[in-house]
Amino acid sequence: MVGKPVTLSDREAEELRDAAAADAGRSSARRDLSLLLERGLRTKRIVALNRAEARELAELLTTGEFSSNLTLLQEVLLVALED
């Protein structure tokens, strides 16, 4: 995440993946983000986001439609994107 390691639970990653996938038809950036999160979930490996993917994730988090508390992730993203 722009040089900042962040660990998500499977539930958090699944929720983010599903939200990104729901917008995949309208945004190729959301499609790419959902595929990246899916790969991380499937392989249980670390995935690295480029700056565009991190921006897209930060934007996705602003919708606030998540059952998980992703406030800390949003704060880390905003700080990382300021650099």
Protein backbone atom coordinates (compact mmCIF):
# COMPACT_ATOMS: atom_id res chain seq x y z
CA MET A 1 0.00 0.00 0.00
CA VAL A 2 2.34 2.66 -1.30
CA GLY A 3 5.16 1.31 0.86
CA LYS A 4 2.99 0.76 3.93
CA PRO A 5 2.24 -2.83 4.96
CA VAL A 6 -1.36 -3.40 6.03
CA THR A 7 -2.88 -6.69 7.13
CA LEU A 8 -6.55 -7.38 6.48
CA SER A 9 -8.63 -10.22 7.81
CA ASP A 10 -10.19 -12.51 5.21
CA ARG A 11 -13.57 -11.00 6.06
CA GLU A 12 -12.32 -7.45 5.46
CA ALA A 13 -10.62 -8.41 2.20
CA GLU A 14 -13.73 -10.25 1.03
CA GLU A 15 -15.92 -7.28 1.84
CA LEU A 16 -13.62 -4.91 -0.06
CA ARG A 17 -13.36 -7.33 -2.98
CA ASP A 18 -17.13 -7.65 -3.19
CA ALA A 19 -17.62 -3.88 -3.08
CA ALA A 20 -15.02 -3.34 -5.80
CA ALA A 21 -16.53 -6.14 -7.90
CA ALA A 22 -19.99 -4.56 -7.60
CA ASP A 23 -18.64 -1.48 -9.41
CA ALA A 24 -16.49 -3.44 -11.87
CA GLY A 25 -18.95 -2.88 -14.71
CA ARG A 26 -18.62 0.89 -14.36
CA SER A 27 -14.93 1.14 -13.58
CA SER A 28 -11.97 -0.82 -14.87
CA ALA A 29 -9.97 0.40 -11.87
CA ARG A 30 -12.51 -1.19 -9.51
CA ARG A 31 -12.40 -4.37 -11.59
CA ASP A 32 -8.61 -4.47 -11.29
CA LEU A 33 -8.82 -3.87 -7.53
CA SER A 34 -11.37 -6.66 -7.08
CA LEU A 35 -9.18 -9.06 -9.07
CA LEU A 36 -6.12 -8.14 -7.04
CA LEU A 37 -7.96 -8.69 -3.75
CA GLU A 38 -9.35 -11.98 -5.07
CA ARG A 39 -5.85 -13.16 -5.94
CA GLY A 40 -4.64 -12.30 -2.45
CA LEU A 41 -7.52 -14.19 -0.87
CA ARG A 42 -7.09 -17.21 -3.12
CA THR A 43 -3.32 -17.51 -2.77
CA LYS A 44 -3.04 -16.24 0.83
CA ARG A 45 -0.07 -14.20 -0.36
CA ILE A 46 0.85 -10.58 0.04
CA VAL A 47 -0.39 -8.32 -2.71
CA ALA A 48 1.10 -4.93 -3.46
CA LEU A 49 -1.08 -2.07 -4.59
CA ASN A 50 0.24 0.51 -6.97
CA ARG A 51 -0.64 4.15 -6.37
CA ALA A 52 -3.72 4.05 -8.63
CA GLU A 53 -5.05 0.93 -6.88
CA ALA A 54 -4.42 2.52 -3.47
CA ARG A 55 -6.32 5.65 -4.57
CA GLU A 56 -9.17 3.49 -5.82
CA LEU A 57 -9.28 1.60 -2.52
CA ALA A 58 -9.28 4.88 -0.57
CA GLU A 59 -12.16 6.12 -2.71
CA LEU A 60 -14.05 2.87 -2.22
CA LEU A 61 -13.66 3.22 1.56
CA THR A 62 -15.36 6.63 1.50
CA THR A 63 -18.68 4.96 0.65
CA GLY A 64 -18.86 3.78 4.27
CA GLU A 65 -20.99 0.77 3.34
CA PHE A 66 -18.93 -1.80 5.21
CA SER A 67 -19.79 -3.90 8.22
CA SER A 68 -16.12 -4.07 9.19
CA ASN A 69 -14.47 -1.10 10.84
CA LEU A 70 -12.01 -0.05 8.15
CA THR A 71 -11.25 3.38 9.61
CA LEU A 72 -7.62 2.53 10.35
CA LEU A 73 -7.10 1.27 6.79
CA GLN A 74 -8.61 4.46 5.44
CA GLU A 75 -6.30 6.58 7.61
CA VAL A 76 -3.21 4.61 6.51
CA LEU A 77 -4.21 5.00 2.87
CA LEU A 78 -4.75 8.73 3.15
CA VAL A 79 -1.37 9.25 4.81
CA ALA A 80 0.37 7.03 2.26
CA LEU A 81 -1.22 8.84 -0.67
CA GLU A 82 -0.08 12.22 0.66
CA ASP A 83 3.58 11.20 0.23
